Amino acid sequence: MPADSLSALQHRLQHRFSDPSLLQRAVTHRSYSSEHNERLEFLGDSVLNLAVSSLLFRRMQGLPEGELSRVRALLVKQDSLHRIAMRLQLPQVLRLGEGESKSGGKLRPSILADALEAIIGAVYLDAGYDQAEALVHRLLEGVELSPRLQEAAKDAKTALQEWLQGRKMKLPQYQVIDTTGAAHNQVFHVECLVAELQLTARGSGASRRAAEQAAASAMLAQLKVKQA
């Protein structure tokens, strides 16, 4: 990778590496070289979770553990990390094998999220936890830590349950109505029933849990339409 590309990335990160080879490894996919970023990603994932946890602990005082966990999960999920990676222009500096590059790997959310975690791990090795934590906090500067974020962090099943309980209604019922696909690649199809409103909604997913979440989300969408 050209030195100016690494330098530009360090400028965007606001961290100058004592050992630039750590950054180069962090943006190297396993398809490119045996010296790839997976071990750094493993390390960065833990640093990221601790840094986000400390931020939420200080900024969202009074929030119980379960709510803090849900907000943290929202902030560190692949979609959130992918958006940050795009803002840092990581596709321009990723090192991928030819096949992975031709198949669109430089824009693949999972690869970009992994690279971002690897960069966090690289900063930790280069300068210690305090600098890695400061990087994570800078990356999250544009995120408003407010009750709205807390609400968005709720999964669909929890949100649906709270909506019904708030109206003194019984909890929804979930039933698997079908499974499709090969044994190693099954898709579950689930129906969600709110008996008191005589409403049903369906959702699909790679696991029963994911399908239930999709069905709950579809049910919430129905309820919002009825309320409008």
Protein backbone atom coordinates (compact mmCIF):
# COMPACT_ATOMS: atom_id res chain seq x y z
CA MET A 1 0.00 0.00 0.00
CA PRO A 2 1.39 3.46 -0.86
CA ALA A 3 2.70 5.32 2.17
CA ASP A 4 0.49 8.33 1.39
CA SER A 5 -2.63 6.14 1.66
CA LEU A 6 -1.59 4.97 5.11
CA SER A 7 -0.75 8.53 6.09
CA ALA A 8 -4.15 9.80 4.94
CA LEU A 9 -5.92 7.08 6.89
CA GLN A 10 -3.95 7.93 10.01
CA HIS A 11 -5.00 11.55 9.58
CA ARG A 12 -8.67 10.50 9.38
CA LEU A 13 -8.21 8.32 12.47
CA GLN A 14 -6.40 11.15 14.26
CA HIS A 15 -3.78 8.64 15.38
CA ARG A 16 -0.18 8.49 14.15
CA PHE A 17 1.15 4.94 14.42
CA SER A 18 4.56 4.32 15.95
CA ASP A 19 4.46 1.02 14.03
CA PRO A 20 2.68 1.60 10.69
CA SER A 21 2.90 -2.12 9.88
CA LEU A 22 0.12 -2.68 12.43
CA LEU A 23 -2.20 -0.45 10.43
CA GLN A 24 -1.22 -2.15 7.19
CA ARG A 25 -2.05 -5.53 8.66
CA ALA A 26 -5.36 -4.21 10.00
CA VAL A 27 -6.55 -3.39 6.48
CA THR A 28 -5.32 -6.69 4.99
CA HIS A 29 -7.95 -9.35 4.33
CA ARG A 30 -7.08 -13.03 4.57
CA SER A 31 -7.62 -13.38 0.81
CA TYR A 32 -4.61 -11.10 0.24
CA SER A 33 -1.94 -12.48 2.55
CA SER A 34 -1.20 -14.91 5.37
CA GLU A 35 -0.36 -11.77 7.39
CA HIS A 36 -4.00 -10.72 7.65
CA ASN A 37 -6.18 -8.86 10.13
CA GLU A 38 -8.23 -11.58 11.82
CA ARG A 39 -6.23 -11.68 15.07
CA LEU A 40 -6.33 -7.89 15.27
CA GLU A 41 -10.08 -8.03 14.67
CA PHE A 42 -10.45 -10.47 17.59
CA LEU A 43 -8.58 -8.06 19.85
CA GLY A 44 -10.32 -4.96 18.54
CA ASP A 45 -13.77 -6.46 19.13
CA SER A 46 -13.06 -6.71 22.86
CA VAL A 47 -11.52 -3.23 23.04
CA LEU A 48 -14.51 -1.79 21.17
CA ASN A 49 -17.02 -3.38 23.52
CA LEU A 50 -15.18 -2.15 26.62
CA ALA A 51 -14.77 1.38 25.22
CA VAL A 52 -18.45 1.59 24.27
CA SER A 53 -19.47 0.14 27.65
CA SER A 54 -17.46 2.76 29.54
CA LEU A 55 -18.95 5.54 27.39
CA LEU A 56 -22.52 4.38 28.00
CA PHE A 57 -21.87 3.84 31.72
CA ARG A 58 -20.83 7.48 32.06
CA ARG A 59 -23.25 9.09 29.63
CA MET A 60 -26.45 7.11 30.27
CA GLN A 61 -26.52 7.05 34.06
CA GLY A 62 -29.46 5.37 35.67
CA LEU A 63 -30.03 3.03 32.73
CA PRO A 64 -30.28 -0.61 33.91
CA GLU A 65 -27.88 -3.29 32.70
CA GLY A 66 -30.27 -4.83 30.19
CA GLU A 67 -30.94 -1.49 28.49
CA LEU A 68 -27.23 -0.64 28.43
CA SER A 69 -26.53 -3.98 26.77
CA ARG A 70 -29.12 -3.33 24.08
CA VAL A 71 -27.77 0.15 23.31
CA ARG A 72 -24.23 -1.22 23.15
CA ALA A 73 -25.35 -3.97 20.77
CA LEU A 74 -26.87 -1.31 18.51
CA LEU A 75 -23.64 0.72 18.46
CA VAL A 76 -21.29 -2.21 17.76
CA LYS A 77 -23.41 -4.14 15.28
CA GLN A 78 -22.16 -4.67 11.73
CA ASP A 79 -24.37 -2.00 10.16
CA SER A 80 -23.12 0.67 12.56
CA LEU A 81 -19.47 -0.28 12.05
CA HIS A 82 -19.98 -0.39 8.29
CA ARG A 83 -21.23 3.21 8.28
CA ILE A 84 -18.20 4.34 10.27
CA ALA A 85 -15.86 2.41 7.95
CA MET A 86 -17.38 4.14 4.92
CA ARG A 87 -16.93 7.52 6.62
CA LEU A 88 -13.25 6.67 7.14
CA GLN A 89 -13.00 5.70 3.44
CA LEU A 90 -11.74 2.22 4.30
CA PRO A 91 -12.69 0.77 0.88
CA GLN A 92 -9.89 2.87 -0.61
CA VAL A 93 -7.21 1.25 1.55
CA LEU A 94 -8.39 -2.35 2.00
CA ARG A 95 -6.01 -5.01 0.69
CA LEU A 96 -7.98 -7.90 -0.80
CA GLY A 97 -7.13 -10.86 -2.99
CA GLU A 98 -8.04 -10.50 -6.66
CA GLY A 99 -11.08 -12.77 -6.46
CA GLU A 100 -12.48 -11.11 -3.36
CA SER A 101 -11.90 -7.67 -4.85
CA LYS A 102 -13.65 -8.54 -8.12
CA SER A 103 -16.67 -9.88 -6.23
CA GLY A 104 -17.21 -6.54 -4.49
CA GLY A 105 -15.39 -7.30 -1.25
CA LYS A 106 -14.24 -3.72 -0.75
CA LEU A 107 -17.84 -2.65 -0.17
CA ARG A 108 -18.98 -5.75 1.74
CA PRO A 109 -20.29 -4.66 5.17
CA SER A 110 -18.83 -7.66 7.01
CA ILE A 111 -15.31 -7.09 5.61
CA LEU A 112 -15.41 -3.37 6.36
CA ALA A 113 -16.74 -3.89 9.90
CA ASP A 114 -14.03 -6.48 10.57
CA ALA A 115 -11.35 -4.13 9.26
CA LEU A 116 -12.58 -1.35 11.54
CA GLU A 117 -12.37 -3.65 14.56
CA ALA A 118 -8.88 -4.68 13.44
CA ILE A 119 -7.82 -1.02 13.28
CA ILE A 120 -9.05 -0.52 16.85
CA GLY A 121 -7.00 -3.56 17.88
CA ALA A 122 -3.98 -2.15 16.04
CA VAL A 123 -4.27 1.18 17.90
CA TYR A 124 -4.47 -0.72 21.17
CA LEU A 125 -1.23 -2.59 20.41
CA ASP A 126 0.45 0.54 19.10
CA ALA A 127 -0.38 2.95 21.92
CA GLY A 128 -2.35 1.23 24.67
CA TYR A 129 -5.94 1.14 25.82
CA ASP A 130 -6.38 4.86 26.52
CA GLN A 131 -5.59 5.77 22.92
CA ALA A 132 -7.81 2.98 21.57
CA GLU A 133 -10.67 4.11 23.80
CA ALA A 134 -10.19 7.70 22.65
CA LEU A 135 -10.38 6.52 19.02
CA VAL A 136 -13.65 4.66 19.66
CA HIS A 137 -15.13 7.72 21.35
CA ARG A 138 -14.09 9.92 18.39
CA LEU A 139 -15.70 7.48 15.97
CA LEU A 140 -18.95 7.75 17.94
CA GLU A 141 -18.90 11.54 18.30
CA GLY A 142 -21.79 11.98 15.87
CA VAL A 143 -24.04 9.53 17.73
CA GLU A 144 -26.58 11.16 20.03
CA LEU A 145 -26.77 9.11 23.22
CA SER A 146 -30.36 9.91 24.07
CA PRO A 147 -33.61 8.14 25.04
CA ARG A 148 -34.35 7.85 21.29
CA LEU A 149 -31.27 5.68 20.89
CA GLN A 150 -32.41 3.61 23.85
CA GLU A 151 -35.77 3.09 22.15
CA ALA A 152 -34.13 2.16 18.84
CA ALA A 153 -31.97 -0.41 20.63
CA LYS A 154 -34.97 -2.45 21.67
CA ASP A 155 -35.41 -5.55 19.56
CA ALA A 156 -38.75 -6.00 17.83
CA LYS A 157 -40.01 -8.73 20.19
CA THR A 158 -39.29 -6.57 23.24
CA ALA A 159 -40.90 -3.52 21.65
CA LEU A 160 -44.01 -5.51 20.71
CA GLN A 161 -44.28 -7.02 24.18
CA GLU A 162 -44.03 -3.58 25.81
CA TRP A 163 -46.62 -2.14 23.39
CA LEU A 164 -49.11 -4.87 24.31
CA GLN A 165 -48.39 -4.79 28.04
CA GLY A 166 -48.87 -1.02 28.02
CA ARG A 167 -52.41 -1.65 26.78
CA LYS A 168 -53.11 -4.53 29.21
CA MET A 169 -53.08 -7.10 26.42
CA LYS A 170 -51.73 -10.63 26.47
CA LEU A 171 -48.29 -11.43 25.07
CA PRO A 172 -48.07 -12.42 21.40
CA GLN A 173 -47.79 -16.04 20.33
CA TYR A 174 -45.13 -17.25 17.88
CA GLN A 175 -45.40 -20.40 15.81
CA VAL A 176 -43.09 -21.91 13.20
CA ILE A 177 -45.30 -22.55 10.19
CA ASP A 178 -42.66 -23.82 7.75
CA THR A 179 -38.96 -24.41 7.17
CA THR A 180 -37.40 -24.33 3.72
CA GLY A 181 -33.96 -24.93 2.25
CA ALA A 182 -31.29 -27.57 2.78
CA ALA A 183 -30.47 -28.76 6.30
CA HIS A 184 -27.29 -26.64 6.43
CA ASN A 185 -29.03 -23.55 5.05
CA GLN A 186 -32.55 -23.58 6.47
CA VAL A 187 -34.95 -20.66 6.44
CA PHE A 188 -37.56 -20.52 9.20
CA HIS A 189 -40.99 -19.02 8.60
CA VAL A 190 -42.81 -17.85 11.74
CA GLU A 191 -46.26 -16.44 12.39
CA CYS A 192 -46.91 -13.91 15.15
CA LEU A 193 -50.44 -13.80 16.57
CA VAL A 194 -51.98 -11.04 18.69
CA ALA A 195 -55.20 -12.84 19.59
CA GLU A 196 -57.05 -9.93 21.21
CA LEU A 197 -56.70 -7.86 18.04
CA GLN A 198 -57.15 -10.84 15.71
CA LEU A 199 -53.97 -9.85 13.89
CA THR A 200 -51.27 -12.08 12.43
CA ALA A 201 -47.94 -11.27 10.80
CA ARG A 202 -45.23 -13.42 9.32
CA GLY A 203 -41.46 -13.24 9.18
CA SER A 204 -38.57 -15.35 7.92
CA GLY A 205 -34.98 -15.80 9.01
CA ALA A 206 -31.97 -18.09 9.16
CA SER A 207 -32.92 -19.11 12.71
CA ARG A 208 -36.16 -19.38 14.64
CA ARG A 209 -35.13 -16.39 16.73
CA ALA A 210 -34.41 -14.26 13.68
CA ALA A 211 -37.74 -15.26 12.11
CA GLU A 212 -39.60 -14.36 15.31
CA GLN A 213 -37.93 -10.96 15.32
CA ALA A 214 -38.95 -10.42 11.70
CA ALA A 215 -42.54 -11.43 12.48
CA ALA A 216 -42.63 -9.12 15.50
CA SER A 217 -41.31 -6.26 13.36
CA ALA A 218 -44.04 -6.92 10.79
CA MET A 219 -46.65 -6.93 13.56
CA LEU A 220 -45.39 -3.61 14.92
CA ALA A 221 -45.67 -2.15 11.43
CA GLN A 222 -49.32 -3.31 11.29
CA LEU A 223 -50.07 -1.78 14.66
CA LYS A 224 -48.58 1.58 13.66
CA VAL A 225 -50.81 1.61 10.56
CA LYS A 226 -53.89 0.88 12.69
CA GLN A 227 -52.93 3.68 15.07
CA ALA A 228 -52.39 6.23 12.29
